Amino acid sequence: MNVDAFDTRLRAIPGGGVTSARGFKAAGIHAGFRKNPERADFALIVADKPASAAGVFTTNRFCAAPVTVSREHLGGPDKGFGRVQAVAINSGNANAATGEPGLAVARETCDIVSQVVGCTSDQVLVASTGVIGQQLDIAPFETGIPAAYDQLSVAGGADMARAIMTTDTHPKELAVTYESGVLEYVDCTFTVGGCVKGSGMIMPNMATMIACITTDAPVEPQTLHTILTSCVKQTFNKVTVDSDTSTNDTCIMLASGAAASDEQPIREGTEAYEELVYAVHVVCESLARAIAADGEGATRLVTVNVTGAATDEDADTAARAVANSPLVKTAIAGRDCNWGRIAAALGKCGVAFDQTRTSIDIMGLPVCREGLTVPFDEEEALRRFEAPEIVISADLGAGEGTATVWTCDLTHEYITINGDYRT
């Protein structure tokens, strides 16, 4: 596929989100999981009919009850796909470390949704976010699910994005659309949309957050799972705010097929497949960057690019070492062009390279060449630090491996937010 040509056909939908793709309706309401009646805390998204579904979940061994139940409904941890008609998400309580009672609540939630929507219980997925270790009451689901169902609409995607927020400062949603350039799908316009929450307890060992991605393209469940996992690895799994992997990470993708109901499903290895993968990647990358930019207490999005590593895996390890370094992150918060902290983070990460072949740039400003200081204008560095995105680039001079990781700066506000998160 000619990526440049496809870019001219790919368009962002103004105000678009998870219900921009045809065949989906959503709602976000206050159901009583939070004390503040003005704050939405329950989201429901429903497909017009059972849709292809795929999921990727946390690798944290303290995984939450809804993760366990949703995995079961998608065929278990070794499968991850099936057919789903509804996804229910609550905020305010993670339903994690809650034992059998927590599992019972997650399963009963699926039962209630299935009765209201008119599908089977295993065609419902659940997700939760909030405080760990507190039992989750079923009562808000019993009243909230019917109430949310009554408010389902295409416009409800924006309400869903707000309802799943925890410490996020704003909802995160996006949708793109494109006309297929493949003869088999002539006159077909496909849409990919999504919403995500994530601000703290963020380091990907899957997709550290809760996300729902939708498309109206015709895709079989297994193919959808291949698309989702490949995109997650290069987007959500490249985000870190504080190096902590959540117990509740959940990324679900649904495909209604409503944009081409009479056409054959898109097959892996075809140009139509490459078009869809690219569109899904664009949505996931944008949402991933939004998570990093909205890290708890953050004032800057930080992009760490590592090149010249022996392998891509080595580059990823090195980039994460820089992105997770409290010293690097606080230096950025203080607008301090202290490249020595970047060098130290690279040097400690366990990746083999020769410091005398290493180069480092900050915001395009050369600060290190062949392992030694390059004189730079401090005033110019301060000016560049006013940009909303700070870019750190390091070349290790050891091979062709590359990686990009997104993070944020570390401010006093992060401590304020997390010092009393539970109380």
Protein backbone atom coordinates (compact mmCIF):
# COMPACT_ATOMS: atom_id res chain seq x y z
CA MET A 1 0.00 0.00 0.00
CA ASN A 2 1.18 3.50 -0.85
CA VAL A 3 1.06 5.12 2.60
CA ASP A 4 1.44 8.68 1.29
CA ALA A 5 -1.49 8.20 -1.09
CA PHE A 6 -3.59 6.66 1.67
CA ASP A 7 -2.84 9.59 3.99
CA THR A 8 -4.62 11.88 1.56
CA ARG A 9 -7.77 9.76 1.93
CA LEU A 10 -7.61 9.43 5.72
CA ARG A 11 -9.54 12.20 7.47
CA ALA A 12 -10.13 13.00 11.13
CA ILE A 13 -13.78 13.39 12.07
CA PRO A 14 -14.37 16.64 14.02
CA GLY A 15 -15.63 15.71 17.47
CA GLY A 16 -15.38 12.04 16.53
CA GLY A 17 -15.09 9.16 18.95
CA VAL A 18 -16.09 5.63 19.75
CA THR A 19 -19.56 5.86 18.16
CA SER A 20 -18.43 7.49 14.92
CA ALA A 21 -18.24 4.04 13.33
CA ARG A 22 -21.65 2.89 12.16
CA GLY A 23 -23.48 0.25 14.15
CA PHE A 24 -22.74 1.50 17.68
CA LYS A 25 -24.49 3.57 20.35
CA ALA A 26 -23.18 4.53 23.78
CA ALA A 27 -24.07 6.32 27.00
CA GLY A 28 -22.28 7.69 30.03
CA ILE A 29 -24.19 8.39 33.25
CA HIS A 30 -23.83 8.76 37.00
CA ALA A 31 -24.85 5.40 38.44
CA GLY A 32 -23.62 5.80 42.01
CA PHE A 33 -20.10 4.34 41.95
CA ARG A 34 -18.83 7.79 42.94
CA LYS A 35 -20.20 10.08 45.63
CA ASN A 36 -20.35 13.15 43.41
CA PRO A 37 -23.73 13.05 41.62
CA GLU A 38 -22.40 15.47 39.00
CA ARG A 39 -19.71 13.04 37.86
CA ALA A 40 -20.49 10.31 35.32
CA ASP A 41 -19.17 6.93 36.47
CA PHE A 42 -20.73 4.28 34.24
CA ALA A 43 -20.43 3.75 30.49
CA LEU A 44 -22.25 1.38 28.18
CA ILE A 45 -21.59 0.78 24.50
CA VAL A 46 -23.89 -1.47 22.49
CA ALA A 47 -23.62 -2.75 18.93
CA ASP A 48 -26.77 -2.98 16.84
CA LYS A 49 -26.07 -6.72 16.58
CA PRO A 50 -23.31 -9.03 17.84
CA ALA A 51 -20.03 -7.72 16.46
CA SER A 52 -16.59 -9.17 15.92
CA ALA A 53 -14.58 -8.49 19.05
CA ALA A 54 -10.98 -8.68 20.21
CA GLY A 55 -9.35 -7.87 23.50
CA VAL A 56 -5.91 -7.39 24.98
CA PHE A 57 -5.52 -7.28 28.75
CA THR A 58 -3.04 -6.57 31.52
CA THR A 59 -0.19 -8.96 32.24
CA ASN A 60 -0.25 -7.91 35.91
CA ARG A 61 -0.72 -11.09 37.96
CA PHE A 62 -2.96 -9.16 40.35
CA CYS A 63 -5.46 -8.80 37.51
CA ALA A 64 -8.93 -7.51 38.30
CA ALA A 65 -12.15 -9.53 38.26
CA PRO A 66 -13.53 -7.86 35.10
CA VAL A 67 -10.30 -8.72 33.27
CA THR A 68 -10.75 -12.39 34.19
CA VAL A 69 -14.39 -12.43 33.10
CA SER A 70 -13.83 -10.56 29.83
CA ARG A 71 -10.95 -12.89 28.96
CA GLU A 72 -13.28 -15.84 29.52
CA HIS A 73 -15.90 -14.32 27.23
CA LEU A 74 -13.27 -13.93 24.50
CA GLY A 75 -12.23 -17.56 24.65
CA GLY A 76 -9.56 -17.38 27.34
CA PRO A 77 -6.08 -15.80 27.53
CA ASP A 78 -4.77 -17.85 24.60
CA LYS A 79 -7.54 -16.73 22.25
CA GLY A 80 -8.73 -13.18 22.86
CA PHE A 81 -11.50 -12.87 20.28
CA GLY A 82 -15.16 -13.72 19.69
CA ARG A 83 -18.48 -11.96 19.17
CA VAL A 84 -19.75 -9.28 21.53
CA GLN A 85 -22.74 -6.95 21.61
CA ALA A 86 -22.08 -4.79 24.67
CA VAL A 87 -19.31 -3.47 26.89
CA ALA A 88 -20.00 -2.07 30.38
CA ILE A 89 -17.40 0.03 32.20
CA ASN A 90 -17.52 1.56 35.68
CA SER A 91 -15.11 4.04 37.23
CA GLY A 92 -14.48 4.73 40.91
CA ASN A 93 -13.80 1.12 41.89
CA ALA A 94 -11.33 -1.24 40.18
CA ASN A 95 -12.94 -4.48 41.43
CA ALA A 96 -9.37 -5.76 41.78
CA ALA A 97 -8.08 -7.95 44.64
CA THR A 98 -11.70 -8.70 45.53
CA GLY A 99 -11.65 -12.51 45.25
CA GLU A 100 -14.74 -14.57 44.49
CA PRO A 101 -17.19 -11.78 45.46
CA GLY A 102 -15.58 -9.54 42.85
CA LEU A 103 -15.83 -12.23 40.18
CA ALA A 104 -19.48 -12.76 41.09
CA VAL A 105 -20.22 -9.04 40.64
CA ALA A 106 -18.46 -8.97 37.25
CA ARG A 107 -20.43 -12.00 36.06
CA GLU A 108 -23.72 -10.66 37.41
CA THR A 109 -23.05 -7.39 35.61
CA CYS A 110 -22.80 -9.34 32.35
CA ASP A 111 -26.05 -11.11 33.17
CA ILE A 112 -27.89 -7.83 33.77
CA VAL A 113 -26.54 -6.24 30.59
CA SER A 114 -27.48 -9.31 28.54
CA GLN A 115 -31.05 -9.20 29.84
CA VAL A 116 -31.42 -5.49 29.09
CA VAL A 117 -29.74 -5.60 25.68
CA GLY A 118 -31.16 -8.94 24.56
CA CYS A 119 -28.00 -10.96 24.00
CA THR A 120 -26.25 -13.79 25.80
CA SER A 121 -24.14 -13.15 28.90
CA ASP A 122 -20.94 -14.21 27.15
CA GLN A 123 -21.57 -11.52 24.51
CA VAL A 124 -20.94 -8.87 27.17
CA LEU A 125 -17.53 -7.59 28.27
CA VAL A 126 -16.84 -5.62 31.45
CA ALA A 127 -14.10 -3.30 32.65
CA SER A 128 -13.53 -1.33 35.84
CA THR A 129 -11.18 1.42 36.97
CA GLY A 130 -10.56 3.06 40.32
CA VAL A 131 -9.42 2.04 43.79
CA ILE A 132 -7.94 -1.45 44.23
CA GLY A 133 -8.97 -3.78 47.06
CA GLN A 134 -12.49 -2.51 47.74
CA GLN A 135 -15.52 -4.70 47.14
CA LEU A 136 -17.78 -3.51 44.32
CA ASP A 137 -21.49 -3.30 45.05
CA ILE A 138 -23.86 -4.73 42.44
CA ALA A 139 -26.62 -2.21 43.28
CA PRO A 140 -25.36 0.63 41.03
CA PHE A 141 -25.30 -1.81 38.11
CA GLU A 142 -28.86 -2.94 38.76
CA THR A 143 -30.19 0.60 38.35
CA GLY A 144 -27.45 2.07 36.17
CA ILE A 145 -27.52 -0.45 33.33
CA PRO A 146 -31.22 0.08 32.43
CA ALA A 147 -30.77 3.84 32.83
CA ALA A 148 -27.75 3.88 30.53
CA TYR A 149 -29.51 1.66 28.00
CA ASP A 150 -32.38 4.16 27.83
CA GLN A 151 -29.90 6.92 27.00
CA LEU A 152 -27.98 5.07 24.29
CA SER A 153 -27.30 7.22 21.24
CA VAL A 154 -24.66 7.91 18.62
CA ALA A 155 -23.94 11.19 20.40
CA GLY A 156 -23.39 9.24 23.63
CA GLY A 157 -19.83 8.36 22.70
CA ALA A 158 -18.63 11.64 24.20
CA ASP A 159 -20.48 10.87 27.45
CA MET A 160 -18.85 7.43 27.52
CA ALA A 161 -15.39 8.99 27.21
CA ARG A 162 -16.11 11.16 30.25
CA ALA A 163 -17.66 8.39 32.34
CA ILE A 164 -14.56 6.17 32.23
CA MET A 165 -12.20 8.90 33.47
CA THR A 166 -10.42 8.67 36.82
CA THR A 167 -7.62 11.22 37.36
CA ASP A 168 -7.73 12.21 33.69
CA THR A 169 -8.09 15.96 33.24
CA HIS A 170 -10.12 15.61 30.06
CA PRO A 171 -11.79 12.93 27.91
CA LYS A 172 -9.67 11.33 25.18
CA GLU A 173 -11.40 10.33 21.95
CA LEU A 174 -10.77 10.32 18.22
CA ALA A 175 -12.18 8.98 14.96
CA VAL A 176 -10.89 8.81 11.40
CA THR A 177 -12.58 7.83 8.16
CA TYR A 178 -11.42 6.82 4.71
CA GLU A 179 -12.72 5.67 1.36
CA SER A 180 -11.24 2.31 0.48
CA GLY A 181 -9.03 2.30 -2.58
CA VAL A 182 -9.61 -1.42 -3.12
CA LEU A 183 -11.85 -2.47 -6.00
CA GLU A 184 -13.62 -5.06 -3.85
CA TYR A 185 -14.80 -2.29 -1.52
CA VAL A 186 -15.45 0.44 -4.07
CA ASP A 187 -17.77 3.17 -2.74
CA CYS A 188 -17.21 1.89 0.84
CA THR A 189 -16.27 4.46 3.47
CA PHE A 190 -14.84 2.92 6.62
CA THR A 191 -14.48 4.56 10.02
CA VAL A 192 -12.30 3.77 13.04
CA GLY A 193 -13.05 5.50 16.33
CA GLY A 194 -12.18 5.13 19.96
CA CYS A 195 -11.93 6.50 23.46
CA VAL A 196 -9.46 5.83 26.24
CA LYS A 197 -8.82 6.68 29.87
CA GLY A 198 -5.39 6.77 31.44
CA SER A 199 -3.35 9.23 33.44
CA GLY A 200 -1.57 7.41 36.27
CA MET A 201 -0.44 3.87 37.10
CA ILE A 202 0.78 3.85 33.53
CA MET A 203 3.38 1.60 32.06
CA PRO A 204 2.35 -0.73 29.32
CA ASN A 205 2.46 -4.42 29.68
CA MET A 206 -0.42 -4.57 27.28
CA ALA A 207 -2.13 -1.26 27.09
CA THR A 208 -1.97 0.46 30.42
CA MET A 209 -5.40 2.00 30.48
CA ILE A 210 -8.98 1.18 29.50
CA ALA A 211 -9.75 1.69 25.83
CA CYS A 212 -12.54 0.86 23.42
CA ILE A 213 -11.88 1.00 19.67
CA THR A 214 -14.58 0.50 17.04
CA THR A 215 -14.82 0.14 13.29
CA ASP A 216 -17.63 -0.41 10.83
CA ALA A 217 -15.37 -2.38 8.46
CA PRO A 218 -16.23 -6.07 7.91
CA VAL A 219 -13.62 -8.09 9.84
CA GLU A 220 -13.74 -11.57 11.34
CA PRO A 221 -12.86 -11.83 15.06
CA GLN A 222 -9.50 -13.56 14.63
CA THR A 223 -8.35 -11.05 12.02
CA LEU A 224 -9.50 -8.23 14.27
CA HIS A 225 -7.40 -9.66 17.11
CA THR A 226 -4.33 -9.71 14.87
CA ILE A 227 -4.91 -6.06 13.95
CA LEU A 228 -5.46 -4.99 17.55
CA THR A 229 -2.45 -6.76 19.03
CA SER A 230 -0.09 -5.48 16.35
CA CYS A 231 -1.28 -1.89 16.82
CA VAL A 232 -1.23 -2.09 20.63
CA LYS A 233 2.42 -3.20 20.60
CA GLN A 234 3.45 -0.10 18.68
CA THR A 235 1.19 2.46 20.38
CA PHE A 236 -0.33 1.86 23.81
CA ASN A 237 2.57 -0.41 24.75
CA LYS A 238 4.96 2.47 24.11
CA VAL A 239 3.49 4.71 26.82
CA THR A 240 4.83 5.18 30.34
CA VAL A 241 3.91 7.79 32.93
CA ASP A 242 5.25 6.25 36.13
CA SER A 243 6.43 2.69 35.24
CA ASP A 244 3.49 1.07 37.08
CA THR A 245 1.36 -1.47 35.24
CA SER A 246 -2.30 -1.41 36.24
CA THR A 247 -4.27 -4.41 37.46
CA ASN A 248 -7.12 -3.46 35.13
CA ASP A 249 -5.59 -2.77 31.72
CA THR A 250 -8.18 -3.50 29.05
CA CYS A 251 -8.23 -2.69 25.35
CA ILE A 252 -11.29 -3.88 23.44
CA MET A 253 -11.99 -3.53 19.73
CA LEU A 254 -15.34 -4.12 18.06
CA ALA A 255 -16.12 -4.37 14.33
CA SER A 256 -19.75 -4.02 13.26
CA GLY A 257 -19.28 -4.48 9.51
CA ALA A 258 -22.10 -1.96 9.05
CA ALA A 259 -20.25 0.01 6.37
CA ALA A 260 -20.09 -2.99 4.02
CA SER A 261 -22.58 -5.56 5.26
CA ASP A 262 -22.86 -7.26 1.87
CA GLU A 263 -19.11 -7.51 1.26
CA GLN A 264 -16.71 -10.30 2.19
CA PRO A 265 -14.73 -9.78 5.41
CA ILE A 266 -11.37 -8.08 5.05
CA ARG A 267 -8.63 -10.70 4.91
CA GLU A 268 -5.11 -10.52 6.32
CA GLY A 269 -2.45 -9.87 3.70
CA THR A 270 -4.68 -7.81 1.41
CA GLU A 271 -4.48 -4.11 0.60
CA ALA A 272 -7.82 -3.57 2.37
CA TYR A 273 -6.26 -5.11 5.47
CA GLU A 274 -3.28 -2.75 5.26
CA GLU A 275 -5.64 0.22 4.94
CA LEU A 276 -7.53 -0.78 8.06
CA VAL A 277 -4.37 -1.52 10.06
CA TYR A 278 -3.02 1.92 9.21
CA ALA A 279 -6.26 3.64 10.29
CA VAL A 280 -6.38 1.67 13.56
CA HIS A 281 -2.72 2.53 14.20
CA VAL A 282 -3.43 6.23 13.68
CA VAL A 283 -6.26 6.18 16.21
CA CYS A 284 -4.33 4.13 18.77
CA GLU A 285 -1.18 6.25 18.46
CA SER A 286 -3.12 9.47 18.90
CA LEU A 287 -4.89 8.11 21.99
CA ALA A 288 -1.60 6.74 23.36
CA ARG A 289 0.07 10.14 23.01
CA ALA A 290 -2.95 11.72 24.70
CA ILE A 291 -2.44 9.44 27.72
CA ALA A 292 1.20 10.48 28.05
CA ALA A 293 0.37 14.17 27.61
CA ASP A 294 -2.28 13.88 30.35
CA GLY A 295 -0.06 12.02 32.81
CA GLU A 296 -0.89 12.87 36.39
CA GLY A 297 0.48 16.34 37.12
CA ALA A 298 2.16 16.55 33.72
CA THR A 299 2.87 19.79 31.90
CA ARG A 300 4.67 18.34 28.87
CA LEU A 301 4.36 15.37 26.55
CA VAL A 302 7.81 13.79 26.16
CA THR A 303 8.81 11.69 23.14
CA VAL A 304 11.95 9.57 23.50
CA ASN A 305 13.48 8.34 20.24
CA VAL A 306 16.35 5.85 20.36
CA THR A 307 18.18 4.84 17.19
CA GLY A 308 21.39 2.99 16.46
CA ALA A 309 20.77 0.15 18.93
CA ALA A 310 21.85 -3.40 18.17
CA THR A 311 18.17 -4.51 17.97
CA ASP A 312 14.73 -2.95 18.22
CA GLU A 313 14.37 -4.65 21.61
CA ASP A 314 17.54 -2.98 22.85
CA ALA A 315 16.29 0.36 21.55
CA ASP A 316 13.00 -0.12 23.42
CA THR A 317 14.83 -0.98 26.65
CA ALA A 318 17.01 2.11 26.34
CA ALA A 319 14.09 4.40 25.49
CA ARG A 320 12.11 3.15 28.49
CA ALA A 321 15.09 3.73 30.79
CA VAL A 322 15.13 7.37 29.76
CA ALA A 323 11.35 7.75 29.80
CA ASN A 324 11.04 6.23 33.30
CA SER A 325 13.95 8.11 34.88
CA PRO A 326 12.67 10.42 37.64
CA LEU A 327 15.80 12.53 37.18
CA VAL A 328 15.13 13.01 33.46
CA LYS A 329 11.44 13.70 34.04
CA THR A 330 12.05 16.26 36.79
CA ALA A 331 14.72 17.98 34.71
CA ILE A 332 12.14 18.44 31.96
CA ALA A 333 9.65 19.79 34.50
CA GLY A 334 12.30 22.30 35.56
CA ARG A 335 13.20 23.19 31.95
CA ASP A 336 16.76 22.02 32.65
CA CYS A 337 18.65 20.81 29.57
CA ASN A 338 20.62 18.33 31.70
CA TRP A 339 21.68 15.73 29.15
CA GLY A 340 23.87 13.92 31.69
CA ARG A 341 20.73 12.43 33.22
CA ILE A 342 19.76 11.01 29.84
CA ALA A 343 23.23 9.54 29.39
CA ALA A 344 23.09 7.98 32.86
CA ALA A 345 19.70 6.41 32.15
CA LEU A 346 20.97 4.95 28.89
CA GLY A 347 24.10 3.62 30.54
CA LYS A 348 22.29 1.80 33.36
CA CYS A 349 19.71 -0.01 31.23
CA GLY A 350 21.79 -3.09 30.43
CA VAL A 351 21.95 -2.54 26.69
CA ALA A 352 25.41 -2.89 25.11
CA PHE A 353 26.80 0.19 23.36
CA ASP A 354 29.95 2.29 23.25
CA GLN A 355 29.59 5.68 24.91
CA THR A 356 32.20 7.13 22.51
CA ARG A 357 29.79 6.48 19.63
CA THR A 358 26.73 7.92 21.32
CA SER A 359 24.90 11.13 20.37
CA ILE A 360 22.07 12.91 22.23
CA ASP A 361 19.80 15.74 21.07
CA ILE A 362 17.16 17.57 23.10
CA MET A 363 14.47 19.37 21.09
CA GLY A 364 16.74 19.14 18.04
CA LEU A 365 19.57 20.78 19.94
CA PRO A 366 22.83 18.76 19.84
CA VAL A 367 24.06 18.35 23.44
CA CYS A 368 26.29 15.27 23.18
CA ARG A 369 28.45 13.85 20.42
CA GLU A 370 30.73 10.83 20.72
CA GLY A 371 29.93 10.75 24.42
CA LEU A 372 31.14 14.30 25.07
CA THR A 373 29.48 17.64 25.72
CA VAL A 374 28.53 19.84 22.80
CA PRO A 375 28.37 23.52 23.86
CA PHE A 376 24.87 24.92 23.42
CA ASP A 377 22.98 28.15 24.05
CA GLU A 378 21.14 27.84 27.40
CA GLU A 379 18.71 30.61 26.47
CA GLU A 380 17.84 28.83 23.24
CA ALA A 381 17.34 25.59 25.21
CA LEU A 382 14.95 27.36 27.60
CA ARG A 383 13.01 28.74 24.65
CA ARG A 384 12.65 25.28 23.12
CA PHE A 385 11.46 23.87 26.44
CA GLU A 386 8.34 26.02 26.15
CA ALA A 387 7.03 23.70 23.42
CA PRO A 388 4.11 21.43 24.46
CA GLU A 389 6.06 18.34 23.32
CA ILE A 390 9.66 17.71 24.35
CA VAL A 391 11.62 15.39 22.03
CA ILE A 392 14.70 13.54 23.26
CA SER A 393 16.74 11.69 20.63
CA ALA A 394 19.64 9.33 21.31
CA ASP A 395 21.73 7.38 18.81
CA LEU A 396 23.75 4.54 20.37
CA GLY A 397 25.92 3.86 17.33
CA ALA A 398 25.58 0.10 17.78
CA GLY A 399 23.28 -1.04 14.98
CA GLU A 400 19.98 -0.43 13.20
CA GLY A 401 17.51 -0.89 16.08
CA THR A 402 14.99 1.89 16.73
CA ALA A 403 12.19 2.62 19.20
CA THR A 404 9.91 5.45 20.30
CA VAL A 405 8.37 5.73 23.76
CA TRP A 406 6.01 8.45 25.01
CA THR A 407 6.04 9.77 28.57
CA CYS A 408 5.63 13.08 30.43
CA ASP A 409 7.45 15.26 32.92
CA LEU A 410 7.26 14.66 36.68
CA THR A 411 5.95 17.51 38.82
CA HIS A 412 4.95 18.13 42.44
CA GLU A 413 1.34 17.66 41.35
CA TYR A 414 1.96 13.94 40.71
CA ILE A 415 2.76 13.51 44.41
CA THR A 416 -0.28 15.56 45.41
CA ILE A 417 -2.62 13.42 43.29
CA ASN A 418 -1.22 10.08 44.42
CA GLY A 419 -0.58 10.99 48.04
CA ASP A 420 -4.30 10.87 48.79
CA TYR A 421 -5.73 8.95 45.80
CA ARG A 422 -7.64 6.44 47.95
CA THR A 423 -8.89 8.89 50.55
